[in-house]
PDB file of N, CA and C in Angstrom:
ATOM      1  N   MET A   1      11.756 -64.518  -5.769  1.00  0.00           N
ATOM      2  CA  MET A   1      11.935 -63.165  -6.263  1.00  0.00           C
ATOM      3  C   MET A   1      11.531 -63.109  -7.738  1.00  0.00           C
ATOM      4  N   TYR A   2      10.885 -62.036  -8.106  1.00  0.00           N
ATOM      5  CA  TYR A   2      10.436 -61.867  -9.490  1.00  0.00           C
ATOM      6  C   TYR A   2      11.581 -61.305 -10.315  1.00  0.00           C
ATOM      7  N   ASN A   3      11.999 -62.080 -11.315  1.00  0.00           N
ATOM      8  CA  ASN A   3      13.106 -61.647 -12.156  1.00  0.00           C
ATOM      9  C   ASN A   3      12.715 -61.769 -13.623  1.00  0.00           C
ATOM     10  N   GLU A   4      13.638 -61.523 -14.493  1.00  0.00           N
ATOM     11  CA  GLU A   4      13.353 -61.536 -15.933  1.00  0.00           C
ATOM     12  C   GLU A   4      12.882 -62.914 -16.405  1.00  0.00           C
ATOM     13  N   THR A   5      13.452 -63.990 -15.853  1.00  0.00           N
ATOM     14  CA  THR A   5      13.041 -65.342 -16.227  1.00  0.00           C
ATOM     15  C   THR A   5      11.596 -65.601 -15.808  1.00  0.00           C
ATOM     16  N   ALA A   6      11.250 -65.200 -14.595  1.00  0.00           N
ATOM     17  CA  ALA A   6       9.869 -65.368 -14.117  1.00  0.00           C
ATOM     18  C   ALA A   6       8.910 -64.529 -14.959  1.00  0.00           C
ATOM     19  N   LYS A   7       9.336 -63.325 -15.305  1.00  0.00           N
ATOM     20  CA  LYS A   7       8.503 -62.452 -16.135  1.00  0.00           C
ATOM     21  C   LYS A   7       8.233 -63.099 -17.491  1.00  0.00           C
ATOM     22  N   LYS A   8       9.259 -63.669 -18.104  1.00  0.00           N
ATOM     23  CA  LYS A   8       9.084 -64.337 -19.404  1.00  0.00           C
ATOM     24  C   LYS A   8       8.145 -65.530 -19.286  1.00  0.00           C
ATOM     25  N   ALA A   9       8.273 -66.300 -18.214  1.00  0.00           N
ATOM     26  CA  ALA A   9       7.399 -67.458 -18.013  1.00  0.00           C
ATOM     27  C   ALA A   9       5.953 -67.003 -17.834  1.00  0.00           C
ATOM     28  N   THR A  10       5.750 -65.934 -17.088  1.00  0.00           N
ATOM     29  CA  THR A  10       4.403 -65.393 -16.883  1.00  0.00           C
ATOM     30  C   THR A  10       3.818 -64.908 -18.199  1.00  0.00           C
ATOM     31  N   MET A  11       4.604 -64.193 -18.975  1.00  0.00           N
ATOM     32  CA  MET A  11       4.131 -63.671 -20.266  1.00  0.00           C
ATOM     33  C   MET A  11       3.785 -64.820 -21.222  1.00  0.00           C
ATOM     34  N   LYS A  12       4.580 -65.890 -21.211  1.00  0.00           N
ATOM     35  CA  LYS A  12       4.305 -67.042 -22.060  1.00  0.00           C
ATOM     36  C   LYS A  12       2.996 -67.701 -21.644  1.00  0.00           C
ATOM     37  N   TYR A  13       2.808 -67.891 -20.334  1.00  0.00           N
ATOM     38  CA  TYR A  13       1.574 -68.474 -19.823  1.00  0.00           C
ATOM     39  C   TYR A  13       0.376 -67.615 -20.223  1.00  0.00           C
ATOM     40  N   MET A  14       0.475 -66.319 -20.026  1.00  0.00           N
ATOM     41  CA  MET A  14      -0.631 -65.410 -20.356  1.00  0.00           C
ATOM     42  C   MET A  14      -0.976 -65.492 -21.842  1.00  0.00           C
ATOM     43  N   ALA A  15       0.031 -65.556 -22.691  1.00  0.00           N
ATOM     44  CA  ALA A  15      -0.204 -65.616 -24.131  1.00  0.00           C
ATOM     45  C   ALA A  15      -0.867 -66.930 -24.540  1.00  0.00           C
ATOM     46  N   GLU A  16      -0.499 -68.029 -23.872  1.00  0.00           N
ATOM     47  CA  GLU A  16      -1.011 -69.346 -24.247  1.00  0.00           C
ATOM     48  C   GLU A  16      -2.350 -69.693 -23.600  1.00  0.00           C
ATOM     49  N   LYS A  17      -2.592 -69.211 -22.402  1.00  0.00           N
ATOM     50  CA  LYS A  17      -3.724 -69.701 -21.613  1.00  0.00           C
ATOM     51  C   LYS A  17      -4.786 -68.667 -21.269  1.00  0.00           C
ATOM     52  N   ARG A  18      -4.546 -67.398 -21.509  1.00  0.00           N
ATOM     53  CA  ARG A  18      -5.466 -66.368 -21.062  1.00  0.00           C
ATOM     54  C   ARG A  18      -5.863 -65.452 -22.218  1.00  0.00           C
ATOM     55  N   GLU A  19      -7.025 -64.830 -22.088  1.00  0.00           N
ATOM     56  CA  GLU A  19      -7.481 -63.825 -23.038  1.00  0.00           C
ATOM     57  C   GLU A  19      -7.839 -62.568 -22.253  1.00  0.00           C
ATOM     58  N   ASN A  20      -7.708 -61.427 -22.880  1.00  0.00           N
ATOM     59  CA  ASN A  20      -8.065 -60.164 -22.237  1.00  0.00           C
ATOM     60  C   ASN A  20      -9.421 -59.695 -22.717  1.00  0.00           C
ATOM     61  N   LEU A  21     -10.155 -59.092 -21.803  1.00  0.00           N
ATOM     62  CA  LEU A  21     -11.423 -58.448 -22.098  1.00  0.00           C
ATOM     63  C   LEU A  21     -11.430 -57.151 -21.314  1.00  0.00           C
ATOM     64  N   ASN A  22     -11.402 -56.042 -22.008  1.00  0.00           N
ATOM     65  CA  ASN A  22     -11.389 -54.744 -21.334  1.00  0.00           C
ATOM     66  C   ASN A  22     -12.809 -54.309 -21.028  1.00  0.00           C
ATOM     67  N   LEU A  23     -13.010 -53.857 -19.805  1.00  0.00           N
ATOM     68  CA  LEU A  23     -14.321 -53.392 -19.372  1.00  0.00           C
ATOM     69  C   LEU A  23     -14.214 -51.936 -18.943  1.00  0.00           C
ATOM     70  N   ASN A  24     -15.257 -51.187 -19.211  1.00  0.00           N
ATOM     71  CA  ASN A  24     -15.335 -49.802 -18.772  1.00  0.00           C
ATOM     72  C   ASN A  24     -16.443 -49.682 -17.751  1.00  0.00           C
ATOM     73  N   PHE A  25     -16.088 -49.228 -16.548  1.00  0.00           N
ATOM     74  CA  PHE A  25     -17.055 -49.064 -15.469  1.00  0.00           C
ATOM     75  C   PHE A  25     -17.367 -47.584 -15.282  1.00  0.00           C
ATOM     76  N   PRO A  26     -18.566 -47.281 -14.799  1.00  0.00           N
ATOM     77  CA  PRO A  26     -18.854 -45.891 -14.441  1.00  0.00           C
ATOM     78  C   PRO A  26     -17.873 -45.439 -13.354  1.00  0.00           C
ATOM     79  N   LYS A  27     -17.494 -44.170 -13.383  1.00  0.00           N
ATOM     80  CA  LYS A  27     -16.573 -43.629 -12.376  1.00  0.00           C
ATOM     81  C   LYS A  27     -17.065 -43.974 -10.974  1.00  0.00           C
ATOM     82  N   GLY A  28     -16.141 -44.426 -10.146  1.00  0.00           N
ATOM     83  CA  GLY A  28     -16.441 -44.756  -8.765  1.00  0.00           C
ATOM     84  C   GLY A  28     -16.904 -46.183  -8.536  1.00  0.00           C
ATOM     85  N   LYS A  29     -17.317 -46.885  -9.589  1.00  0.00           N
ATOM     86  CA  LYS A  29     -17.827 -48.254  -9.426  1.00  0.00           C
ATOM     87  C   LYS A  29     -16.714 -49.287  -9.290  1.00  0.00           C
ATOM     88  N   LYS A  30     -15.578 -49.051  -9.922  1.00  0.00           N
ATOM     89  CA  LYS A  30     -14.501 -50.038  -9.885  1.00  0.00           C
ATOM     90  C   LYS A  30     -14.101 -50.349  -8.444  1.00  0.00           C
ATOM     91  N   ALA A  31     -13.946 -49.333  -7.629  1.00  0.00           N
ATOM     92  CA  ALA A  31     -13.548 -49.547  -6.235  1.00  0.00           C
ATOM     93  C   ALA A  31     -14.631 -50.318  -5.477  1.00  0.00           C
ATOM     94  N   ILE A  32     -15.890 -50.015  -5.764  1.00  0.00           N
ATOM     95  CA  ILE A  32     -16.994 -50.719  -5.107  1.00  0.00           C
ATOM     96  C   ILE A  32     -17.003 -52.180  -5.533  1.00  0.00           C
ATOM     97  N   TYR A  33     -16.847 -52.441  -6.829  1.00  0.00           N
ATOM     98  CA  TYR A  33     -16.820 -53.817  -7.325  1.00  0.00           C
ATOM     99  C   TYR A  33     -15.629 -54.575  -6.751  1.00  0.00           C
ATOM    100  N   ARG A  34     -14.486 -53.917  -6.666  1.00  0.00           N
ATOM    101  CA  ARG A  34     -13.284 -54.554  -6.115  1.00  0.00           C
ATOM    102  C   ARG A  34     -13.501 -54.908  -4.639  1.00  0.00           C
ATOM    103  N   ALA A  35     -14.092 -53.994  -3.873  1.00  0.00           N
ATOM    104  CA  ALA A  35     -14.357 -54.252  -2.452  1.00  0.00           C
ATOM    105  C   ALA A  35     -15.343 -55.403  -2.285  1.00  0.00           C
ATOM    106  N   TYR A  36     -16.361 -55.439  -3.124  1.00  0.00           N
ATOM    107  CA  TYR A  36     -17.337 -56.526  -3.045  1.00  0.00           C
ATOM    108  C   TYR A  36     -16.675 -57.862  -3.369  1.00  0.00           C
ATOM    109  N   ALA A  37     -15.893 -57.896  -4.439  1.00  0.00           N
ATOM    110  CA  ALA A  37     -15.203 -59.136  -4.812  1.00  0.00           C
ATOM    111  C   ALA A  37     -14.295 -59.590  -3.670  1.00  0.00           C
ATOM    112  N   LYS A  38     -13.561 -58.644  -3.088  1.00  0.00           N
ATOM    113  CA  LYS A  38     -12.659 -58.986  -1.979  1.00  0.00           C
ATOM    114  C   LYS A  38     -13.441 -59.545  -0.795  1.00  0.00           C
ATOM    115  N   SER A  39     -14.636 -58.991  -0.536  1.00  0.00           N
ATOM    116  CA  SER A  39     -15.454 -59.495   0.574  1.00  0.00           C
ATOM    117  C   SER A  39     -15.907 -60.927   0.343  1.00  0.00           C
ATOM    118  N   ARG A  40     -15.911 -61.345  -0.919  1.00  0.00           N
ATOM    119  CA  ARG A  40     -16.280 -62.717  -1.286  1.00  0.00           C
ATOM    120  C   ARG A  40     -15.050 -63.600  -1.452  1.00  0.00           C
ATOM    121  N   GLY A  41     -13.860 -63.043  -1.203  1.00  0.00           N
ATOM    122  CA  GLY A  41     -12.613 -63.800  -1.327  1.00  0.00           C
ATOM    123  C   GLY A  41     -12.193 -64.011  -2.760  1.00  0.00           C
ATOM    124  N   MET A  42     -12.555 -63.071  -3.649  1.00  0.00           N
ATOM    125  CA  MET A  42     -12.273 -63.208  -5.082  1.00  0.00           C
ATOM    126  C   MET A  42     -11.656 -61.933  -5.626  1.00  0.00           C
ATOM    127  N   SER A  43     -11.073 -62.077  -6.805  1.00  0.00           N
ATOM    128  CA  SER A  43     -10.691 -60.900  -7.583  1.00  0.00           C
ATOM    129  C   SER A  43     -11.914 -60.464  -8.384  1.00  0.00           C
ATOM    130  N   VAL A  44     -11.869 -59.272  -8.935  1.00  0.00           N
ATOM    131  CA  VAL A  44     -12.973 -58.800  -9.774  1.00  0.00           C
ATOM    132  C   VAL A  44     -13.131 -59.739 -10.969  1.00  0.00           C
ATOM    133  N   THR A  45     -12.022 -60.182 -11.541  1.00  0.00           N
ATOM    134  CA  THR A  45     -12.089 -61.109 -12.674  1.00  0.00           C
ATOM    135  C   THR A  45     -12.802 -62.395 -12.286  1.00  0.00           C
ATOM    136  N   GLU A  46     -12.424 -62.986 -11.157  1.00  0.00           N
ATOM    137  CA  GLU A  46     -13.065 -64.220 -10.707  1.00  0.00           C
ATOM    138  C   GLU A  46     -14.561 -64.017 -10.489  1.00  0.00           C
ATOM    139  N   LEU A  47     -14.921 -62.902  -9.887  1.00  0.00           N
ATOM    140  CA  LEU A  47     -16.331 -62.611  -9.632  1.00  0.00           C
ATOM    141  C   LEU A  47     -17.110 -62.483 -10.933  1.00  0.00           C
ATOM    142  N   ILE A  48     -16.573 -61.739 -11.884  1.00  0.00           N
ATOM    143  CA  ILE A  48     -17.260 -61.553 -13.164  1.00  0.00           C
ATOM    144  C   ILE A  48     -17.436 -62.885 -13.874  1.00  0.00           C
ATOM    145  N   VAL A  49     -16.391 -63.692 -13.917  1.00  0.00           N
ATOM    146  CA  VAL A  49     -16.471 -65.003 -14.578  1.00  0.00           C
ATOM    147  C   VAL A  49     -17.520 -65.866 -13.885  1.00  0.00           C
ATOM    148  N   GLN A  50     -17.509 -65.898 -12.551  1.00  0.00           N
ATOM    149  CA  GLN A  50     -18.485 -66.709 -11.825  1.00  0.00           C
ATOM    150  C   GLN A  50     -19.908 -66.240 -12.113  1.00  0.00           C
ATOM    151  N   LEU A  51     -20.143 -64.940 -12.073  1.00  0.00           N
ATOM    152  CA  LEU A  51     -21.489 -64.424 -12.329  1.00  0.00           C
ATOM    153  C   LEU A  51     -21.970 -64.773 -13.733  1.00  0.00           C
ATOM    154  N   ILE A  52     -21.086 -64.630 -14.726  1.00  0.00           N
ATOM    155  CA  ILE A  52     -21.471 -64.958 -16.101  1.00  0.00           C
ATOM    156  C   ILE A  52     -21.760 -66.443 -16.234  1.00  0.00           C
ATOM    157  N   GLU A  53     -20.878 -67.287 -15.698  1.00  0.00           N
ATOM    158  CA  GLU A  53     -21.081 -68.735 -15.824  1.00  0.00           C
ATOM    159  C   GLU A  53     -22.309 -69.210 -15.062  1.00  0.00           C
ATOM    160  N   ASP A  54     -22.572 -68.631 -13.890  1.00  0.00           N
ATOM    161  CA  ASP A  54     -23.791 -68.979 -13.153  1.00  0.00           C
ATOM    162  C   ASP A  54     -25.021 -68.619 -13.975  1.00  0.00           C
ATOM    163  N   ASP A  55     -25.006 -67.450 -14.608  1.00  0.00           N
ATOM    164  CA  ASP A  55     -26.135 -67.017 -15.427  1.00  0.00           C
ATOM    165  C   ASP A  55     -26.297 -67.919 -16.652  1.00  0.00           C
ATOM    166  N   MET A  56     -25.179 -68.325 -17.260  1.00  0.00           N
ATOM    167  CA  MET A  56     -25.237 -69.224 -18.412  1.00  0.00           C
ATOM    168  C   MET A  56     -25.874 -70.550 -18.017  1.00  0.00           C
ATOM    169  N   ARG A  57     -25.425 -71.130 -16.890  1.00  0.00           N
ATOM    170  CA  ARG A  57     -25.996 -72.401 -16.426  1.00  0.00           C
ATOM    171  C   ARG A  57     -27.482 -72.240 -16.118  1.00  0.00           C
ATOM    172  N   LYS A  58     -27.845 -71.154 -15.449  1.00  0.00           N
ATOM    173  CA  LYS A  58     -29.240 -70.883 -15.098  1.00  0.00           C
ATOM    174  C   LYS A  58     -30.123 -70.842 -16.343  1.00  0.00           C
ATOM    175  N   ASN A  59     -29.569 -70.377 -17.451  1.00  0.00           N
ATOM    176  CA  ASN A  59     -30.336 -70.243 -18.685  1.00  0.00           C
ATOM    177  C   ASN A  59     -30.086 -71.367 -19.682  1.00  0.00           C
ATOM    178  N   GLY A  60     -29.454 -72.469 -19.215  1.00  0.00           N
ATOM    179  CA  GLY A  60     -29.292 -73.658 -20.036  1.00  0.00           C
ATOM    180  C   GLY A  60     -28.236 -73.556 -21.120  1.00  0.00           C
ATOM    181  N   PHE A  61     -27.292 -72.637 -20.975  1.00  0.00           N
ATOM    182  CA  PHE A  61     -26.226 -72.497 -21.966  1.00  0.00           C
ATOM    183  C   PHE A  61     -25.018 -73.263 -21.483  1.00  0.00           C
ATOM    184  N   ASP A  62     -24.472 -74.112 -22.324  1.00  0.00           N
ATOM    185  CA  ASP A  62     -23.319 -74.937 -21.979  1.00  0.00           C
ATOM    186  C   ASP A  62     -22.095 -74.045 -21.782  1.00  0.00           C
ATOM    187  N   THR A  63     -21.554 -74.023 -20.575  1.00  0.00           N
ATOM    188  CA  THR A  63     -20.400 -73.167 -20.284  1.00  0.00           C
ATOM    189  C   THR A  63     -19.113 -73.685 -20.918  1.00  0.00           C
ATOM    190  N   GLU A  64     -19.151 -74.881 -21.474  1.00  0.00           N
ATOM    191  CA  GLU A  64     -17.958 -75.448 -22.111  1.00  0.00           C
ATOM    192  C   GLU A  64     -18.010 -75.343 -23.639  1.00  0.00           C
ATOM    193  N   VAL A  65     -18.987 -74.640 -24.167  1.00  0.00           N
ATOM    194  CA  VAL A  65     -19.093 -74.457 -25.612  1.00  0.00           C
ATOM    195  C   VAL A  65     -17.871 -73.694 -26.108  1.00  0.00           C
ATOM    196  N   HIS A  66     -17.294 -74.147 -27.196  1.00  0.00           N
ATOM    197  CA  HIS A  66     -16.151 -73.457 -27.789  1.00  0.00           C
ATOM    198  C   HIS A  66     -16.593 -72.822 -29.092  1.00  0.00           C
ATOM    199  N   ILE A  67     -16.596 -71.523 -29.107  1.00  0.00           N
ATOM    200  CA  ILE A  67     -17.040 -70.763 -30.269  1.00  0.00           C
ATOM    201  C   ILE A  67     -15.828 -70.094 -30.892  1.00  0.00           C
ATOM    202  N   GLU A  68     -15.637 -70.298 -32.166  1.00  0.00           N
ATOM    203  CA  GLU A  68     -14.539 -69.651 -32.883  1.00  0.00           C
ATOM    204  C   GLU A  68     -14.930 -68.215 -33.196  1.00  0.00           C
ATOM    205  N   GLU A  69     -14.008 -67.314 -32.957  1.00  0.00           N
ATOM    206  CA  GLU A  69     -14.257 -65.901 -33.263  1.00  0.00           C
ATOM    207  C   GLU A  69     -13.747 -65.566 -34.638  1.00  0.00           C
TER     208      GLU A  69
END
């Protein structure tokens, strides 16, 4: 069951291990992208990350490069 302790653990994990990137899609595309990702057994986030990393590898860019912002 999801409770306050689980919520705090999730929030701590998100703060330590994840970053947010907000995307704006044309109206009506989000549902199409979500359906496509689901058909591939992925979330939209997983699909986007895979597509970007595949493109990086295809173009010889090291996907493990750490760039300071």
